[in-house]
Amino acid sequence: MLNKSLCELAAGLIAGEFSSKELTEFYLARIAQFNNQLNCFITVTPELAMQQAAHADKLRSQSQAGPLTGIPIAHKDIFCTTGVKTSCGSKMLDNFIAPYDATIVEKLQTAGCVSLGKTNMDEFAMGSSNETSYYGASRNPWHLDYVPGGSSGGSAAAISAGLVPAATGTDTGGSIRQPAAFCGITGIKPTYGRVSRFGMIAFASSLDQAGPLAATAEDCALLLQYMAGWDAKDSTSSDQAVPEYRATLNDSIQGLTLGLPEEFFNKHLNPQVAKCLEESIKTFEQLGAKIKSIKLPNIPLAIPAYYIIAPAECSSNLARYDGVRYGYRCQQPKDLLDLYMRSRSEGFGKEVQRRILIGTYVLSSGYYDAYYLQAQKVRTLIANDFRQAFADVDLIIGPTTTGTAFKIGENIADPISMYYSDIYTSSVNLAGLPAISLPNGLVNQLPVGLQLIGNYFAEAKILNAAHKYQQATTWHKIKPSAI
């Protein structure tokens, strides 16, 4: 079971090689054995999981099972889950029990998935290393002294270590793709609006997007099939029809044009990561794809624009956590002002406080035009760069990150260095585009990620190219030796 992908496990359930109960017990045992080392789960729900597994086996015995019926998964602890703690990795919500399910939780449950629990994450999804979590940092299964990436690091680490075959994540500036790269797995950030955000605790509403993480592109295609679609409860969700993502996975990519941005080869890029990218490009060329050099001139402005827009939206979204209605409340406040101040200063960690302060500043009178408005103009320029590029190419290829995973504690005191780990991913969120990260090498025995970016709603094309690459390579099959 350990070395099987989600799709292979689904085939095993159909063939009767094992039951959902047996599969669930296997993964719960893995969690019990290794989670203390990895710290990738905040909450484990064994009783709920076994109930859902028993129901899945019953449905299968009645010939009412679907492709995902009985498959164990985990949810990033940013998705509300009925009756289960939903903390968002924060002391502020340490006591919050969600009274309803997020739409994607509901959709995957309806599809028959078995929920093993909630995974660790950077506090309120603010971070690139999983170190800002109130519950402590998750650890990278490839090297336990290294970060798994963030903010969906708990999900990525759990999959990489074989504690779960797949998990949900969110991507605001790279938080699915970057941990997928650091942990040697596959993760896709869909087009903004492709997957409902209802029940997903907001960080930056115009950037946040839910998506799946798993071992392979084929796994992600299957999961996305059931996660995507219009939701009346989310005003930003798209009503565009969801295609059969797996139906086109094996299509030829002969003649596919991949754009290679000149701006991706900058001073931040590790030469060994660049070499892995060059080898990947050769593989795509052998598969019949064409490579074309392109320019995205405003990409260097993505990080400064992102770290104005995202904190601005964060300061607005997190204003609701005031110690009055729900969440953490300070002890024995002197008055209402003291209640607000101490509840927020005690309930939020340093990185969240930093972003709230930045966001409040750039939205304040006298600075809105100078910072926030200018950042939004840059955002439009970045989106236009991509629009012009996709007039000439089918997909854009590049590295997911500048380097490999770094040591726990190495960058935590240097926010600027931490922010630049998202230099290749944040522009995609600013433009609202879909993108995938998949393993394409090892550098110093740590995984490297390859990123494919597509035009709006081109997830099928991205998944097709990623799947063909994984059929021609074995990077996605290599497992960490630390666990």
Protein backbone atom coordinates (compact mmCIF):
# COMPACT_ATOMS: atom_id res chain seq x y z
CA MET A 1 0.00 0.00 0.00
CA LEU A 2 2.82 2.38 0.92
CA ASN A 3 4.23 2.81 -2.58
CA LYS A 4 0.90 2.98 -4.39
CA SER A 5 -0.46 6.24 -5.78
CA LEU A 6 -4.01 7.34 -5.04
CA CYS A 7 -5.19 6.03 -8.42
CA GLU A 8 -3.46 2.70 -7.78
CA LEU A 9 -5.14 2.47 -4.37
CA ALA A 10 -8.50 3.22 -6.01
CA ALA A 11 -7.86 0.39 -8.48
CA GLY A 12 -6.94 -1.89 -5.58
CA LEU A 13 -10.22 -1.15 -3.83
CA ILE A 14 -12.15 -1.89 -7.03
CA ALA A 15 -10.26 -5.15 -7.50
CA GLY A 16 -10.95 -6.19 -3.90
CA GLU A 17 -7.26 -6.38 -2.97
CA PHE A 18 -8.09 -4.66 0.31
CA SER A 19 -11.03 -2.91 1.94
CA SER A 20 -11.37 0.74 2.84
CA LYS A 21 -11.28 -0.32 6.50
CA GLU A 22 -7.92 -2.05 5.99
CA LEU A 23 -6.57 0.89 4.03
CA THR A 24 -7.69 3.37 6.66
CA GLU A 25 -6.21 1.29 9.49
CA PHE A 26 -2.91 1.15 7.59
CA TYR A 27 -2.66 4.94 7.30
CA LEU A 28 -3.84 5.57 10.87
CA ALA A 29 -1.06 3.24 12.04
CA ARG A 30 1.46 5.20 9.94
CA ILE A 31 0.25 8.44 11.52
CA ALA A 32 0.53 6.98 15.02
CA GLN A 33 4.07 5.77 14.25
CA PHE A 34 5.53 8.86 12.57
CA ASN A 35 3.50 11.98 13.36
CA ASN A 36 5.44 12.73 16.55
CA GLN A 37 8.58 13.04 14.42
CA LEU A 38 6.99 14.98 11.56
CA ASN A 39 4.32 17.06 13.36
CA CYS A 40 2.29 17.17 10.14
CA PHE A 41 -1.15 16.61 11.73
CA ILE A 42 -2.80 19.02 14.16
CA THR A 43 -5.84 16.80 14.65
CA VAL A 44 -6.30 13.10 13.86
CA THR A 45 -9.86 11.72 13.65
CA PRO A 46 -9.60 7.91 13.87
CA GLU A 47 -13.20 7.28 14.97
CA LEU A 48 -14.66 9.42 12.19
CA ALA A 49 -12.30 7.82 9.67
CA MET A 50 -13.30 4.28 10.61
CA GLN A 51 -17.00 5.18 10.44
CA GLN A 52 -16.53 6.64 6.97
CA ALA A 53 -14.46 3.63 5.88
CA ALA A 54 -17.16 1.21 7.04
CA HIS A 55 -19.75 3.22 5.10
CA ALA A 56 -17.50 3.17 2.03
CA ASP A 57 -17.13 -0.62 2.22
CA LYS A 58 -20.90 -0.94 2.51
CA LEU A 59 -21.41 1.22 -0.59
CA ARG A 60 -18.88 -0.87 -2.49
CA SER A 61 -20.63 -4.10 -1.49
CA GLN A 62 -23.84 -2.61 -2.91
CA SER A 63 -22.12 -1.56 -6.17
CA GLN A 64 -22.67 2.11 -5.34
CA ALA A 65 -19.01 3.14 -5.09
CA GLY A 66 -17.32 5.84 -7.13
CA PRO A 67 -13.62 6.26 -7.99
CA LEU A 68 -12.80 7.93 -4.66
CA THR A 69 -15.03 5.82 -2.41
CA GLY A 70 -12.98 4.59 0.53
CA ILE A 71 -9.82 6.57 -0.26
CA PRO A 72 -8.24 8.13 2.87
CA ILE A 73 -7.28 11.81 2.61
CA ALA A 74 -6.43 14.68 4.97
CA HIS A 75 -7.55 18.30 4.98
CA LYS A 76 -5.39 21.33 5.59
CA ASP A 77 -6.56 22.84 8.88
CA ILE A 78 -7.86 25.90 7.07
CA PHE A 79 -11.03 24.14 5.89
CA CYS A 80 -14.01 24.12 8.22
CA THR A 81 -15.01 20.57 9.12
CA THR A 82 -18.20 19.88 11.10
CA GLY A 83 -17.48 18.92 14.70
CA VAL A 84 -13.70 18.99 14.24
CA LYS A 85 -11.27 21.65 15.46
CA THR A 86 -10.39 24.05 12.67
CA SER A 87 -7.47 26.08 13.99
CA CYS A 88 -5.82 27.59 10.91
CA GLY A 89 -2.56 26.86 12.72
CA SER A 90 -3.27 29.67 15.19
CA LYS A 91 -3.74 30.12 18.92
CA MET A 92 -6.58 32.46 17.93
CA LEU A 93 -8.68 29.48 16.75
CA ASP A 94 -7.24 26.77 18.98
CA ASN A 95 -10.67 26.28 20.58
CA PHE A 96 -12.80 26.68 17.43
CA ILE A 97 -14.97 23.70 16.48
CA ALA A 98 -16.42 24.28 13.03
CA PRO A 99 -20.23 24.07 12.85
CA TYR A 100 -20.30 23.33 9.10
CA ASP A 101 -18.24 21.82 6.28
CA ALA A 102 -16.29 23.78 3.70
CA THR A 103 -17.58 23.08 0.21
CA ILE A 104 -14.57 21.00 -0.82
CA VAL A 105 -14.77 18.99 2.41
CA GLU A 106 -18.42 18.31 1.62
CA LYS A 107 -17.67 17.46 -2.02
CA LEU A 108 -14.90 15.00 -1.21
CA GLN A 109 -16.99 13.42 1.53
CA THR A 110 -19.86 13.01 -0.92
CA ALA A 111 -17.39 11.41 -3.35
CA GLY A 112 -16.66 8.82 -0.64
CA CYS A 113 -13.31 9.99 0.72
CA VAL A 114 -12.32 9.05 4.25
CA SER A 115 -10.98 11.95 6.33
CA LEU A 116 -8.03 11.04 8.56
CA GLY A 117 -7.68 14.49 10.13
CA LYS A 118 -6.42 18.05 9.75
CA THR A 119 -2.87 18.90 8.73
CA ASN A 120 -0.45 21.45 10.13
CA MET A 121 0.08 24.79 8.40
CA ASP A 122 1.60 28.23 8.73
CA GLU A 123 -0.62 30.42 10.90
CA PHE A 124 -3.55 31.69 8.81
CA ALA A 125 -1.56 30.45 5.78
CA MET A 126 1.04 33.19 6.28
CA GLY A 127 4.47 31.70 5.75
CA SER A 128 6.66 29.72 3.38
CA SER A 129 8.10 27.14 5.76
CA ASN A 130 5.40 25.92 8.19
CA GLU A 131 7.39 27.50 11.01
CA THR A 132 4.76 30.09 11.96
CA SER A 133 2.28 27.44 13.13
CA TYR A 134 1.16 27.77 16.75
CA TYR A 135 1.63 23.99 16.98
CA GLY A 136 5.27 24.06 15.94
CA ALA A 137 6.94 23.43 12.62
CA SER A 138 6.26 20.36 10.52
CA ARG A 139 9.38 18.55 9.37
CA ASN A 140 10.45 17.50 5.93
CA PRO A 141 10.45 13.69 5.55
CA TRP A 142 13.52 13.93 3.29
CA HIS A 143 15.55 15.49 6.09
CA LEU A 144 13.98 16.04 9.49
CA ASP A 145 16.03 19.16 10.19
CA TYR A 146 14.56 20.89 7.13
CA VAL A 147 11.26 22.65 6.50
CA PRO A 148 8.54 21.04 4.34
CA GLY A 149 7.58 24.43 2.89
CA GLY A 150 4.43 26.37 3.51
CA SER A 151 1.80 27.13 4.13
CA SER A 152 0.46 23.67 3.16
CA GLY A 153 3.57 22.00 4.57
CA GLY A 154 1.70 19.60 6.82
CA SER A 155 -0.26 18.19 3.87
CA ALA A 156 2.88 17.88 1.71
CA ALA A 157 4.94 16.24 4.47
CA ALA A 158 2.16 13.75 5.28
CA ILE A 159 1.92 12.64 1.64
CA SER A 160 5.67 12.47 1.16
CA ALA A 161 6.08 10.34 4.29
CA GLY A 162 3.26 7.99 3.32
CA LEU A 163 0.93 8.97 6.15
CA VAL A 164 -1.85 9.71 3.65
CA PRO A 165 -2.11 9.28 -0.14
CA ALA A 166 -3.49 12.77 -0.81
CA ALA A 167 -4.55 15.97 0.93
CA THR A 168 -6.12 19.34 0.33
CA GLY A 169 -4.15 22.57 0.44
CA THR A 170 -4.48 26.25 -0.34
CA ASP A 171 -2.30 28.46 -2.50
CA THR A 172 -2.22 32.24 -1.95
CA GLY A 173 1.29 32.94 -3.27
CA GLY A 174 2.63 29.43 -3.85
CA SER A 175 1.49 27.53 -0.76
CA ILE A 176 0.56 24.35 -2.63
CA ARG A 177 3.36 24.38 -5.19
CA GLN A 178 6.28 25.36 -2.95
CA PRO A 179 5.74 22.62 -0.31
CA ALA A 180 5.05 20.13 -3.12
CA ALA A 181 8.47 21.02 -4.55
CA PHE A 182 10.21 20.82 -1.17
CA CYS A 183 8.66 17.42 -0.37
CA GLY A 184 8.96 15.76 -3.77
CA ILE A 185 5.26 15.41 -4.57
CA THR A 186 2.76 16.95 -7.02
CA GLY A 187 0.41 19.84 -6.28
CA ILE A 188 -1.82 21.95 -8.49
CA LYS A 189 -3.12 25.45 -7.91
CA PRO A 190 -6.28 25.78 -10.07
CA THR A 191 -7.53 28.91 -11.80
CA TYR A 192 -8.95 31.43 -9.35
CA GLY A 193 -12.63 30.55 -8.97
CA ARG A 194 -12.27 26.97 -10.26
CA VAL A 195 -12.67 25.56 -6.71
CA SER A 196 -15.02 27.03 -4.12
CA ARG A 197 -13.54 29.04 -1.25
CA PHE A 198 -16.64 28.65 0.93
CA GLY A 199 -15.61 27.39 4.35
CA MET A 200 -11.94 28.10 3.69
CA ILE A 201 -10.72 30.56 6.31
CA ALA A 202 -9.66 33.67 4.41
CA PHE A 203 -6.17 35.13 4.26
CA ALA A 204 -6.23 37.20 1.04
CA SER A 205 -9.55 36.71 -0.69
CA SER A 206 -8.52 37.74 -4.20
CA LEU A 207 -5.51 35.39 -4.12
CA ASP A 208 -6.55 32.33 -2.07
CA GLN A 209 -7.29 29.16 -4.03
CA ALA A 210 -7.83 25.59 -2.87
CA GLY A 211 -6.29 22.61 -4.64
CA PRO A 212 -5.08 19.03 -4.22
CA LEU A 213 -1.67 17.57 -3.35
CA ALA A 214 -0.79 13.97 -4.14
CA ALA A 215 1.98 11.78 -5.52
CA THR A 216 1.20 12.23 -9.22
CA ALA A 217 -0.52 14.46 -11.76
CA GLU A 218 -2.99 11.65 -12.41
CA ASP A 219 -3.93 11.65 -8.71
CA CYS A 220 -4.39 15.42 -8.76
CA ALA A 221 -6.58 15.14 -11.87
CA LEU A 222 -8.89 12.69 -10.12
CA LEU A 223 -9.15 14.80 -6.97
CA LEU A 224 -9.66 18.06 -8.85
CA GLN A 225 -12.49 16.45 -10.80
CA TYR A 226 -14.49 16.19 -7.59
CA MET A 227 -13.28 19.41 -5.96
CA ALA A 228 -13.96 21.80 -8.85
CA GLY A 229 -17.20 23.44 -9.91
CA TRP A 230 -19.54 26.32 -9.31
CA ASP A 231 -20.79 26.97 -5.78
CA ALA A 232 -23.74 29.23 -5.04
CA LYS A 233 -22.21 29.93 -1.62
CA ASP A 234 -19.07 31.48 -3.15
CA SER A 235 -19.61 34.62 -5.20
CA THR A 236 -16.15 34.29 -6.75
CA SER A 237 -16.60 30.72 -8.02
CA SER A 238 -16.80 30.13 -11.76
CA ASP A 239 -19.75 28.48 -13.46
CA GLN A 240 -17.57 27.23 -16.31
CA ALA A 241 -18.11 23.51 -16.91
CA VAL A 242 -15.58 21.14 -15.35
CA PRO A 243 -13.97 18.89 -17.98
CA GLU A 244 -13.03 15.24 -17.49
CA TYR A 245 -9.44 15.88 -16.48
CA ARG A 246 -8.36 12.24 -16.67
CA ALA A 247 -9.86 11.79 -20.15
CA THR A 248 -7.07 13.81 -21.77
CA LEU A 249 -4.14 12.78 -19.56
CA ASN A 250 -2.66 10.48 -22.19
CA ASP A 251 -3.07 12.80 -25.17
CA SER A 252 0.11 13.42 -27.14
CA ILE A 253 1.99 16.63 -26.41
CA GLN A 254 3.59 16.59 -29.84
CA GLY A 255 3.83 20.20 -30.98
CA LEU A 256 2.98 21.66 -27.56
CA THR A 257 4.79 24.99 -27.17
CA LEU A 258 6.37 25.69 -23.78
CA GLY A 259 7.43 29.24 -23.01
CA LEU A 260 10.65 29.68 -21.04
CA PRO A 261 10.74 33.14 -19.39
CA GLU A 262 14.11 34.89 -19.45
CA GLU A 263 13.27 36.52 -16.13
CA PHE A 264 13.24 33.15 -14.32
CA PHE A 265 17.03 32.89 -14.71
CA ASN A 266 17.97 35.47 -12.11
CA LYS A 267 20.45 35.80 -9.26
CA HIS A 268 18.14 33.96 -6.88
CA LEU A 269 18.10 30.69 -8.87
CA ASN A 270 20.34 27.90 -7.57
CA PRO A 271 22.54 26.71 -10.50
CA GLN A 272 21.80 23.06 -9.66
CA VAL A 273 18.05 23.73 -9.75
CA ALA A 274 18.57 25.41 -13.12
CA LYS A 275 20.37 22.27 -14.31
CA CYS A 276 17.38 20.12 -13.27
CA LEU A 277 15.14 22.46 -15.27
CA GLU A 278 17.39 22.09 -18.32
CA GLU A 279 17.15 18.30 -18.08
CA SER A 280 13.35 18.54 -17.81
CA ILE A 281 13.25 20.71 -20.91
CA LYS A 282 15.20 18.02 -22.81
CA THR A 283 12.62 15.44 -21.69
CA PHE A 284 9.75 17.58 -22.97
CA GLU A 285 11.56 18.06 -26.27
CA GLN A 286 11.95 14.28 -26.57
CA LEU A 287 8.18 14.01 -26.02
CA GLY A 288 7.62 16.35 -28.98
CA ALA A 289 7.17 19.70 -27.23
CA LYS A 290 8.74 22.89 -28.51
CA ILE A 291 10.56 25.39 -26.30
CA LYS A 292 10.28 29.10 -26.97
CA SER A 293 12.05 31.88 -25.11
CA ILE A 294 9.60 34.50 -23.82
CA LYS A 295 9.65 37.64 -21.71
CA LEU A 296 7.56 38.47 -18.65
CA PRO A 297 9.05 41.90 -17.97
CA ASN A 298 6.99 42.72 -14.88
CA ILE A 299 7.60 39.42 -13.07
CA PRO A 300 10.40 40.96 -10.90
CA LEU A 301 7.72 43.22 -9.41
CA ALA A 302 5.55 40.31 -8.28
CA ILE A 303 7.02 39.94 -4.78
CA PRO A 304 6.70 43.64 -3.80
CA ALA A 305 3.19 43.81 -5.29
CA TYR A 306 2.13 40.59 -3.59
CA TYR A 307 3.43 41.70 -0.18
CA ILE A 308 1.32 44.83 -0.37
CA ILE A 309 -1.91 43.30 -1.70
CA ALA A 310 -1.88 40.16 0.46
CA PRO A 311 -1.26 41.95 3.80
CA ALA A 312 -3.89 44.57 2.90
CA GLU A 313 -6.51 41.86 2.41
CA CYS A 314 -5.23 40.02 5.47
CA SER A 315 -5.68 43.09 7.69
CA SER A 316 -9.29 43.32 6.54
CA ASN A 317 -10.11 39.61 6.80
CA LEU A 318 -8.54 39.16 10.23
CA ALA A 319 -10.28 42.17 11.77
CA ARG A 320 -13.10 39.82 12.79
CA TYR A 321 -10.88 38.08 15.36
CA ASP A 322 -11.42 40.49 18.23
CA GLY A 323 -11.99 38.22 21.24
CA VAL A 324 -15.73 38.92 21.29
CA ARG A 325 -17.63 36.45 19.13
CA TYR A 326 -15.37 33.38 18.82
CA GLY A 327 -11.76 32.36 19.07
CA TYR A 328 -9.19 33.28 21.70
CA ARG A 329 -10.11 35.81 24.40
CA CYS A 330 -7.59 37.25 26.85
CA GLN A 331 -8.04 36.71 30.58
CA GLN A 332 -9.65 39.40 32.76
CA PRO A 333 -9.63 42.38 30.35
CA LYS A 334 -9.81 45.79 32.03
CA ASP A 335 -12.14 47.23 29.41
CA LEU A 336 -13.21 46.74 25.77
CA LEU A 337 -10.04 48.28 24.33
CA ASP A 338 -7.88 46.04 26.51
CA LEU A 339 -9.95 43.04 25.39
CA TYR A 340 -9.30 43.84 21.73
CA MET A 341 -5.64 44.63 22.13
CA ARG A 342 -4.61 41.71 24.34
CA SER A 343 -6.79 39.13 22.57
CA ARG A 344 -5.21 39.99 19.23
CA SER A 345 -1.64 40.43 20.46
CA GLU A 346 -1.79 37.18 22.45
CA GLY A 347 -3.81 35.22 19.87
CA PHE A 348 -1.80 36.08 16.75
CA GLY A 349 1.81 35.11 16.12
CA LYS A 350 4.56 37.50 15.00
CA GLU A 351 4.23 36.91 11.25
CA VAL A 352 0.47 37.44 11.30
CA GLN A 353 0.90 40.60 13.37
CA ARG A 354 3.57 41.84 10.93
CA ARG A 355 1.27 41.39 7.94
CA ILE A 356 -1.71 42.96 9.67
CA LEU A 357 0.40 46.02 10.48
CA ILE A 358 1.74 46.28 6.92
CA GLY A 359 -1.73 45.84 5.48
CA THR A 360 -3.29 48.42 7.76
CA TYR A 361 -0.52 50.88 6.88
CA VAL A 362 -0.86 50.52 3.10
CA LEU A 363 -4.63 50.94 3.32
CA SER A 364 -4.46 53.99 5.56
CA SER A 365 -5.31 57.51 4.47
CA GLY A 366 -2.43 59.09 2.61
CA TYR A 367 -0.75 55.78 1.74
CA TYR A 368 -3.51 53.95 -0.15
CA ASP A 369 -2.68 55.63 -3.45
CA ALA A 370 1.07 55.39 -2.96
CA TYR A 371 1.16 51.69 -2.12
CA TYR A 372 -2.04 49.66 -2.50
CA LEU A 373 -3.29 51.34 -5.68
CA GLN A 374 0.15 51.12 -7.29
CA ALA A 375 0.40 47.42 -6.38
CA GLN A 376 -2.94 46.76 -8.05
CA LYS A 377 -1.68 48.50 -11.20
CA VAL A 378 1.41 46.28 -11.17
CA ARG A 379 -0.89 43.29 -10.76
CA THR A 380 -2.65 44.27 -13.98
CA LEU A 381 0.69 44.61 -15.77
CA ILE A 382 1.72 41.13 -14.62
CA ALA A 383 -1.58 39.64 -15.82
CA ASN A 384 -1.09 41.39 -19.18
CA ASP A 385 2.40 39.91 -19.48
CA PHE A 386 0.95 36.42 -19.11
CA ARG A 387 -1.89 37.22 -21.52
CA GLN A 388 0.57 38.28 -24.19
CA ALA A 389 2.75 35.22 -23.57
CA PHE A 390 -0.16 32.82 -23.98
CA ALA A 391 -0.86 34.29 -27.39
CA ASP A 392 2.37 32.56 -28.52
CA VAL A 393 2.76 29.55 -26.20
CA ASP A 394 0.55 26.82 -24.73
CA LEU A 395 2.18 26.57 -21.30
CA ILE A 396 4.98 28.27 -19.41
CA ILE A 397 7.74 26.16 -17.89
CA GLY A 398 10.12 27.08 -15.09
CA PRO A 399 11.36 26.22 -11.61
CA THR A 400 8.90 26.15 -8.72
CA THR A 401 11.40 27.51 -6.21
CA THR A 402 14.83 29.12 -6.27
CA GLY A 403 16.38 26.24 -4.35
CA THR A 404 15.62 23.22 -2.21
CA ALA A 405 14.16 23.09 1.29
CA PHE A 406 16.17 25.00 3.89
CA LYS A 407 16.93 24.20 7.51
CA ILE A 408 14.37 24.89 10.20
CA GLY A 409 15.24 28.25 11.73
CA GLU A 410 17.52 29.29 8.86
CA ASN A 411 15.30 32.05 7.45
CA ILE A 412 12.74 32.66 10.18
CA ALA A 413 14.51 35.83 11.40
CA ASP A 414 14.84 37.19 7.86
CA PRO A 415 11.33 37.81 6.46
CA ILE A 416 12.66 39.21 3.16
CA SER A 417 14.61 36.03 2.37
CA MET A 418 11.56 33.99 3.31
CA TYR A 419 9.32 36.07 1.05
CA TYR A 420 11.63 35.58 -1.94
CA SER A 421 11.10 31.82 -1.78
CA ASP A 422 7.81 32.59 -3.58
CA ILE A 423 9.44 34.55 -6.40
CA TYR A 424 8.39 32.06 -9.11
CA THR A 425 4.92 31.33 -7.75
CA SER A 426 3.33 34.56 -6.48
CA SER A 427 2.88 36.08 -9.95
CA VAL A 428 0.56 33.20 -10.85
CA ASN A 429 -1.76 34.08 -7.97
CA LEU A 430 -1.69 37.78 -8.84
CA ALA A 431 -2.87 36.86 -12.34
CA GLY A 432 -5.32 34.18 -11.15
CA LEU A 433 -3.78 31.49 -13.37
CA PRO A 434 -3.51 27.70 -12.84
CA ALA A 435 -0.11 26.07 -12.24
CA ILE A 436 1.32 22.75 -11.12
CA SER A 437 4.52 21.69 -9.38
CA LEU A 438 5.95 18.23 -9.94
CA PRO A 439 9.23 16.57 -8.90
CA ASN A 440 12.06 16.88 -11.45
CA GLY A 441 15.24 16.07 -9.61
CA LEU A 442 17.30 15.95 -6.44
CA VAL A 443 19.92 18.43 -5.26
CA ASN A 444 21.95 17.34 -2.23
CA GLN A 445 19.38 14.58 -1.66
CA LEU A 446 16.53 17.08 -1.42
CA PRO A 447 13.70 17.31 -4.00
CA VAL A 448 13.43 19.97 -6.69
CA GLY A 449 10.17 21.09 -8.29
CA LEU A 450 9.25 21.86 -11.91
CA GLN A 451 6.43 24.35 -12.50
CA LEU A 452 4.03 24.41 -15.46
CA ILE A 453 1.77 27.46 -15.76
CA GLY A 454 -1.30 27.56 -17.99
CA ASN A 455 -3.83 30.05 -19.29
CA TYR A 456 -7.15 30.49 -17.48
CA PHE A 457 -9.00 27.18 -17.00
CA ALA A 458 -6.24 25.24 -18.78
CA GLU A 459 -5.92 22.71 -15.94
CA ALA A 460 -6.53 19.80 -18.36
CA LYS A 461 -3.63 20.91 -20.57
CA ILE A 462 -1.34 21.35 -17.55
CA LEU A 463 -2.25 17.94 -16.12
CA ASN A 464 -1.78 16.29 -19.52
CA ALA A 465 1.75 17.73 -19.92
CA ALA A 466 2.63 16.88 -16.30
CA HIS A 467 1.35 13.32 -16.65
CA LYS A 468 3.29 12.72 -19.88
CA TYR A 469 6.43 14.02 -18.14
CA GLN A 470 5.87 11.67 -15.21
CA GLN A 471 5.36 8.73 -17.57
CA ALA A 472 8.80 9.51 -19.02
CA THR A 473 10.58 10.05 -15.67
CA THR A 474 10.76 8.45 -12.24
CA TRP A 475 11.32 11.45 -9.93
CA HIS A 476 7.77 11.18 -8.54
CA LYS A 477 8.43 7.58 -7.51
CA ILE A 478 11.47 8.29 -5.35
CA LYS A 479 10.61 8.26 -1.63
CA PRO A 480 12.43 9.87 1.30
CA SER A 481 14.74 7.59 3.25
CA ALA A 482 14.40 9.51 6.55
CA ILE A 483 10.94 7.96 7.15
